[in-house]
Amino acid sequence: MNIYKNYIEKNDVALINKTFLSNTFPWYFESKQVETGKKDTLFFSHCFVDKGNINSHAMFLIEPILKKLNIKNLLNVRANLCPKGPFYCSWHVDRFTENLSHKTAIFYVNTNNGATEFKNKKVKCEKNKIVIFDAKQKHKALGQTDKNVRMVINFNYESK
C-alpha cells in the first residue's frame, strides 16, 4: 500500500471539488455501498469509465490523476459521494474487477472525519491524498459526521 499527499496541483483538486458540488454535475443514486451488503447505506456515484469505456463528459477532471498513475489498462473509474449521517459499508473488493490482478486507487476529494479501513490500517479522508493498493485487499468506507459529504474517486487499473 502506498499513500501520497498533495497528489495533484491545488487548482486541479479545487476544480474537481467545485464541479462535484455544483448543481449541474450528474450524480446517480445507489441504494447501497456494496452490491451484496445487507446493511449498507445509500450513496451517489458518477461513472467516468466502465469496463474500459469512457462513460463521462467530465473526463478532463480526472486527467491530472490519470497522468500520475502507472496505468497499462484502465478498467473502471467512479466518483462516490456519501452524505453525512448514519453510515455503513461492508468489507469488499471492487465487484466489477475482482477476478483480475490489478490496482485500486482511492483519491480523496475533500477532507472530513471519514476514512477507508483496511485490515490493519485506517486511511483518513484528506483532500488531495491518494491511497494505492492491490485490488484483492478488502476495504470499506467509514462515513463522516463533520461535513455534509465525503467525496472520493475510485480507480481500478492494471499497472505497467
C-alpha atoms as a PDB file:
ATOM      1  CA  MET A   1       0.000   0.000   0.000  1.00  0.00           C
ATOM      2  CA  ASN A   2       1.263   3.451  -0.937  1.00  0.00           C
ATOM      3  CA  ILE A   3      -0.157   6.745   0.299  1.00  0.00           C
ATOM      4  CA  TYR A   4       0.687  10.094  -1.280  1.00  0.00           C
ATOM      5  CA  LYS A   5      -0.339  13.535  -0.020  1.00  0.00           C
ATOM      6  CA  ASN A   6      -0.688  16.598  -2.267  1.00  0.00           C
ATOM      7  CA  TYR A   7      -1.032  14.268  -5.238  1.00  0.00           C
ATOM      8  CA  ILE A   8      -2.121  16.803  -7.854  1.00  0.00           C
ATOM      9  CA  GLU A   9      -1.922  20.586  -8.197  1.00  0.00           C
ATOM     10  CA  LYS A  10      -4.127  22.551  -5.766  1.00  0.00           C
ATOM     11  CA  ASN A  11      -6.041  24.248  -8.584  1.00  0.00           C
ATOM     12  CA  ASP A  12      -6.870  20.830 -10.135  1.00  0.00           C
ATOM     13  CA  VAL A  13      -8.309  19.415  -6.903  1.00  0.00           C
ATOM     14  CA  ALA A  14     -10.183  22.707  -6.336  1.00  0.00           C
ATOM     15  CA  LEU A  15     -11.807  22.352  -9.773  1.00  0.00           C
ATOM     16  CA  ILE A  16     -12.840  18.753  -9.020  1.00  0.00           C
ATOM     17  CA  ASN A  17     -14.327  19.803  -5.680  1.00  0.00           C
ATOM     18  CA  LYS A  18     -16.164  22.805  -7.154  1.00  0.00           C
ATOM     19  CA  THR A  19     -17.542  20.748 -10.056  1.00  0.00           C
ATOM     20  CA  PHE A  20     -18.656  17.858  -7.841  1.00  0.00           C
ATOM     21  CA  LEU A  21     -20.543  20.277  -5.573  1.00  0.00           C
ATOM     22  CA  SER A  22     -22.186  22.204  -8.409  1.00  0.00           C
ATOM     23  CA  ASN A  23     -25.871  21.801  -9.204  1.00  0.00           C
ATOM     24  CA  THR A  24     -25.050  20.595 -12.740  1.00  0.00           C
ATOM     25  CA  PHE A  25     -22.764  17.621 -12.046  1.00  0.00           C
ATOM     26  CA  PRO A  26     -24.651  14.332 -12.636  1.00  0.00           C
ATOM     27  CA  TRP A  27     -24.698  12.158  -9.516  1.00  0.00           C
ATOM     28  CA  TYR A  28     -26.657   8.902  -9.581  1.00  0.00           C
ATOM     29  CA  PHE A  29     -28.392   7.265  -6.651  1.00  0.00           C
ATOM     30  CA  GLU A  30     -27.043   3.923  -5.398  1.00  0.00           C
ATOM     31  CA  SER A  31     -29.132   2.138  -2.759  1.00  0.00           C
ATOM     32  CA  LYS A  32     -26.138   0.546  -1.012  1.00  0.00           C
ATOM     33  CA  GLN A  33     -22.349   0.732  -0.865  1.00  0.00           C
ATOM     34  CA  VAL A  34     -21.648  -2.890  -1.794  1.00  0.00           C
ATOM     35  CA  GLU A  35     -23.880  -4.983  -4.048  1.00  0.00           C
ATOM     36  CA  THR A  36     -24.033  -7.862  -1.569  1.00  0.00           C
ATOM     37  CA  GLY A  37     -24.139  -5.675   1.564  1.00  0.00           C
ATOM     38  CA  LYS A  38     -27.326  -6.178   3.541  1.00  0.00           C
ATOM     39  CA  LYS A  39     -26.919  -3.241   5.948  1.00  0.00           C
ATOM     40  CA  ASP A  40     -25.076  -0.860   3.605  1.00  0.00           C
ATOM     41  CA  THR A  41     -26.285   2.728   3.338  1.00  0.00           C
ATOM     42  CA  LEU A  42     -27.025   4.765   0.247  1.00  0.00           C
ATOM     43  CA  PHE A  43     -24.616   6.953  -1.699  1.00  0.00           C
ATOM     44  CA  PHE A  44     -24.338   8.728  -5.046  1.00  0.00           C
ATOM     45  CA  SER A  45     -21.932   7.849  -7.830  1.00  0.00           C
ATOM     46  CA  HIS A  46     -20.673   9.152 -11.145  1.00  0.00           C
ATOM     47  CA  CYS A  47     -19.107   6.644 -13.525  1.00  0.00           C
ATOM     48  CA  PHE A  48     -16.176   8.038 -15.524  1.00  0.00           C
ATOM     49  CA  VAL A  49     -15.003   4.730 -17.028  1.00  0.00           C
ATOM     50  CA  ASP A  50     -16.950   1.461 -17.148  1.00  0.00           C
ATOM     51  CA  LYS A  51     -15.250  -1.772 -18.276  1.00  0.00           C
ATOM     52  CA  GLY A  52     -12.563   0.278 -20.019  1.00  0.00           C
ATOM     53  CA  ASN A  53     -15.031   2.527 -21.881  1.00  0.00           C
ATOM     54  CA  ILE A  54     -15.295   6.267 -21.245  1.00  0.00           C
ATOM     55  CA  ASN A  55     -18.701   6.993 -19.769  1.00  0.00           C
ATOM     56  CA  SER A  56     -18.485  10.670 -18.775  1.00  0.00           C
ATOM     57  CA  HIS A  57     -18.300  14.106 -20.316  1.00  0.00           C
ATOM     58  CA  ALA A  58     -16.137  15.157 -17.353  1.00  0.00           C
ATOM     59  CA  MET A  59     -13.012  13.055 -18.025  1.00  0.00           C
ATOM     60  CA  PHE A  60     -10.971  16.272 -18.089  1.00  0.00           C
ATOM     61  CA  LEU A  61     -11.429  16.486 -14.301  1.00  0.00           C
ATOM     62  CA  ILE A  62      -9.502  13.285 -13.617  1.00  0.00           C
ATOM     63  CA  GLU A  63      -6.754  13.673 -16.250  1.00  0.00           C
ATOM     64  CA  PRO A  64      -4.230  15.091 -13.733  1.00  0.00           C
ATOM     65  CA  ILE A  65      -4.675  11.970 -11.578  1.00  0.00           C
ATOM     66  CA  LEU A  66      -4.576   9.560 -14.531  1.00  0.00           C
ATOM     67  CA  LYS A  67      -1.286  11.092 -15.740  1.00  0.00           C
ATOM     68  CA  LYS A  68       0.397  10.234 -12.437  1.00  0.00           C
ATOM     69  CA  LEU A  69      -0.866   6.659 -12.067  1.00  0.00           C
ATOM     70  CA  ASN A  70       1.183   3.930 -13.741  1.00  0.00           C
ATOM     71  CA  ILE A  71      -1.672   2.699 -15.963  1.00  0.00           C
ATOM     72  CA  LYS A  72      -1.418  -0.012 -18.590  1.00  0.00           C
ATOM     73  CA  ASN A  73      -5.163  -0.670 -18.827  1.00  0.00           C
ATOM     74  CA  LEU A  74      -7.850   1.487 -17.207  1.00  0.00           C
ATOM     75  CA  LEU A  75     -10.722  -0.718 -16.041  1.00  0.00           C
ATOM     76  CA  ASN A  76     -13.154   1.428 -14.051  1.00  0.00           C
ATOM     77  CA  VAL A  77     -13.254   4.894 -12.549  1.00  0.00           C
ATOM     78  CA  ARG A  78     -16.079   6.261 -10.475  1.00  0.00           C
ATOM     79  CA  ALA A  79     -16.613   9.103  -8.061  1.00  0.00           C
ATOM     80  CA  ASN A  80     -18.552   8.434  -4.863  1.00  0.00           C
ATOM     81  CA  LEU A  81     -20.412  10.996  -2.784  1.00  0.00           C
ATOM     82  CA  CYS A  82     -21.602   9.855   0.641  1.00  0.00           C
ATOM     83  CA  PRO A  83     -23.921  12.150   2.597  1.00  0.00           C
ATOM     84  CA  LYS A  84     -23.393  12.942   6.255  1.00  0.00           C
ATOM     85  CA  GLY A  85     -25.323  10.766   8.661  1.00  0.00           C
ATOM     86  CA  PRO A  86     -25.628   7.153   9.770  1.00  0.00           C
ATOM     87  CA  PHE A  87     -23.358   5.121   7.524  1.00  0.00           C
ATOM     88  CA  TYR A  88     -22.407   1.511   6.911  1.00  0.00           C
ATOM     89  CA  CYS A  89     -20.261  -0.091   4.202  1.00  0.00           C
ATOM     90  CA  SER A  90     -19.459  -3.821   4.037  1.00  0.00           C
ATOM     91  CA  TRP A  91     -15.966  -5.210   3.591  1.00  0.00           C
ATOM     92  CA  HIS A  92     -15.356  -5.723  -0.116  1.00  0.00           C
ATOM     93  CA  VAL A  93     -13.105  -5.774  -3.137  1.00  0.00           C
ATOM     94  CA  ASP A  94     -14.411  -3.789  -6.079  1.00  0.00           C
ATOM     95  CA  ARG A  95     -17.030  -6.072  -7.612  1.00  0.00           C
ATOM     96  CA  PHE A  96     -16.538  -5.366 -11.321  1.00  0.00           C
ATOM     97  CA  THR A  97     -12.870  -6.337 -11.345  1.00  0.00           C
ATOM     98  CA  GLU A  98     -12.467  -8.867  -8.547  1.00  0.00           C
ATOM     99  CA  ASN A  99     -11.113 -11.646 -10.792  1.00  0.00           C
ATOM    100  CA  LEU A 100      -8.292  -9.578 -12.297  1.00  0.00           C
ATOM    101  CA  SER A 101      -4.845  -8.879 -10.921  1.00  0.00           C
ATOM    102  CA  HIS A 102      -4.790  -5.099 -10.717  1.00  0.00           C
ATOM    103  CA  LYS A 103      -4.543  -1.992  -8.533  1.00  0.00           C
ATOM    104  CA  THR A 104      -7.147   0.143  -6.833  1.00  0.00           C
ATOM    105  CA  ALA A 105      -6.513   3.802  -6.049  1.00  0.00           C
ATOM    106  CA  ILE A 106      -8.754   5.983  -3.902  1.00  0.00           C
ATOM    107  CA  PHE A 107      -8.343   9.734  -4.336  1.00  0.00           C
ATOM    108  CA  TYR A 108      -9.829  11.900  -1.571  1.00  0.00           C
ATOM    109  CA  VAL A 109     -11.558  14.994  -2.961  1.00  0.00           C
ATOM    110  CA  ASN A 110     -12.348  16.615   0.391  1.00  0.00           C
ATOM    111  CA  THR A 111     -11.171  16.468   3.983  1.00  0.00           C
ATOM    112  CA  ASN A 112     -13.590  15.052   6.539  1.00  0.00           C
ATOM    113  CA  ASN A 113     -13.538  12.737   9.560  1.00  0.00           C
ATOM    114  CA  GLY A 114     -14.361   9.663   7.448  1.00  0.00           C
ATOM    115  CA  ALA A 115     -11.769   7.097   6.382  1.00  0.00           C
ATOM    116  CA  THR A 116     -11.062   3.983   4.367  1.00  0.00           C
ATOM    117  CA  GLU A 117     -10.486   0.981   6.595  1.00  0.00           C
ATOM    118  CA  PHE A 118      -8.191  -1.916   5.739  1.00  0.00           C
ATOM    119  CA  LYS A 119      -7.475  -4.971   7.893  1.00  0.00           C
ATOM    120  CA  ASN A 120      -4.590  -3.311   9.767  1.00  0.00           C
ATOM    121  CA  LYS A 121      -4.907   0.360   8.833  1.00  0.00           C
ATOM    122  CA  LYS A 122      -7.285   3.300   8.555  1.00  0.00           C
ATOM    123  CA  VAL A 123      -6.570   5.965   5.927  1.00  0.00           C
ATOM    124  CA  LYS A 124      -8.103   9.322   6.837  1.00  0.00           C
ATOM    125  CA  CYS A 125     -10.019  11.327   4.243  1.00  0.00           C
ATOM    126  CA  GLU A 126      -7.683  14.226   3.493  1.00  0.00           C
ATOM    127  CA  LYS A 127      -8.153  16.428   0.454  1.00  0.00           C
ATOM    128  CA  ASN A 128      -5.707  15.665  -2.385  1.00  0.00           C
ATOM    129  CA  LYS A 129      -4.418  12.398  -0.892  1.00  0.00           C
ATOM    130  CA  ILE A 130      -4.403   9.076  -2.746  1.00  0.00           C
ATOM    131  CA  VAL A 131      -4.005   5.527  -1.472  1.00  0.00           C
ATOM    132  CA  ILE A 132      -2.916   2.863  -3.975  1.00  0.00           C
ATOM    133  CA  PHE A 133      -3.219  -0.826  -3.125  1.00  0.00           C
ATOM    134  CA  ASP A 134      -3.631  -4.316  -4.546  1.00  0.00           C
ATOM    135  CA  ALA A 135      -7.278  -4.671  -5.580  1.00  0.00           C
ATOM    136  CA  LYS A 136      -7.538  -8.034  -3.811  1.00  0.00           C
ATOM    137  CA  GLN A 137      -7.168  -6.223  -0.492  1.00  0.00           C
ATOM    138  CA  LYS A 138     -10.528  -5.941   1.299  1.00  0.00           C
ATOM    139  CA  HIS A 139     -11.521  -2.474   2.421  1.00  0.00           C
ATOM    140  CA  LYS A 140     -14.537  -0.454   3.446  1.00  0.00           C
ATOM    141  CA  ALA A 141     -15.557   3.182   3.631  1.00  0.00           C
ATOM    142  CA  LEU A 142     -16.157   4.802   7.006  1.00  0.00           C
ATOM    143  CA  GLY A 143     -18.652   7.658   6.949  1.00  0.00           C
ATOM    144  CA  GLN A 144     -18.179  11.205   8.148  1.00  0.00           C
ATOM    145  CA  THR A 145     -20.065  13.311  10.650  1.00  0.00           C
ATOM    146  CA  ASP A 146     -18.312  16.673  10.356  1.00  0.00           C
ATOM    147  CA  LYS A 147     -19.001  17.611   6.697  1.00  0.00           C
ATOM    148  CA  ASN A 148     -22.111  17.379   4.529  1.00  0.00           C
ATOM    149  CA  VAL A 149     -20.430  14.917   2.134  1.00  0.00           C
ATOM    150  CA  ARG A 150     -17.479  12.552   1.752  1.00  0.00           C
ATOM    151  CA  MET A 151     -16.188  12.582  -1.849  1.00  0.00           C
ATOM    152  CA  VAL A 152     -13.680  10.148  -3.340  1.00  0.00           C
ATOM    153  CA  ILE A 153     -12.685   8.963  -6.791  1.00  0.00           C
ATOM    154  CA  ASN A 154     -12.048   5.233  -7.116  1.00  0.00           C
ATOM    155  CA  PHE A 155      -9.712   3.945  -9.870  1.00  0.00           C
ATOM    156  CA  ASN A 156      -9.263   0.303 -10.900  1.00  0.00           C
ATOM    157  CA  TYR A 157      -6.471  -0.372 -13.359  1.00  0.00           C
ATOM    158  CA  GLU A 158      -3.791  -2.764 -14.488  1.00  0.00           C
ATOM    159  CA  SER A 159      -0.395  -1.203 -13.902  1.00  0.00           C
ATOM    160  CA  LYS A 160       2.614  -1.183 -16.193  1.00  0.00           C
END
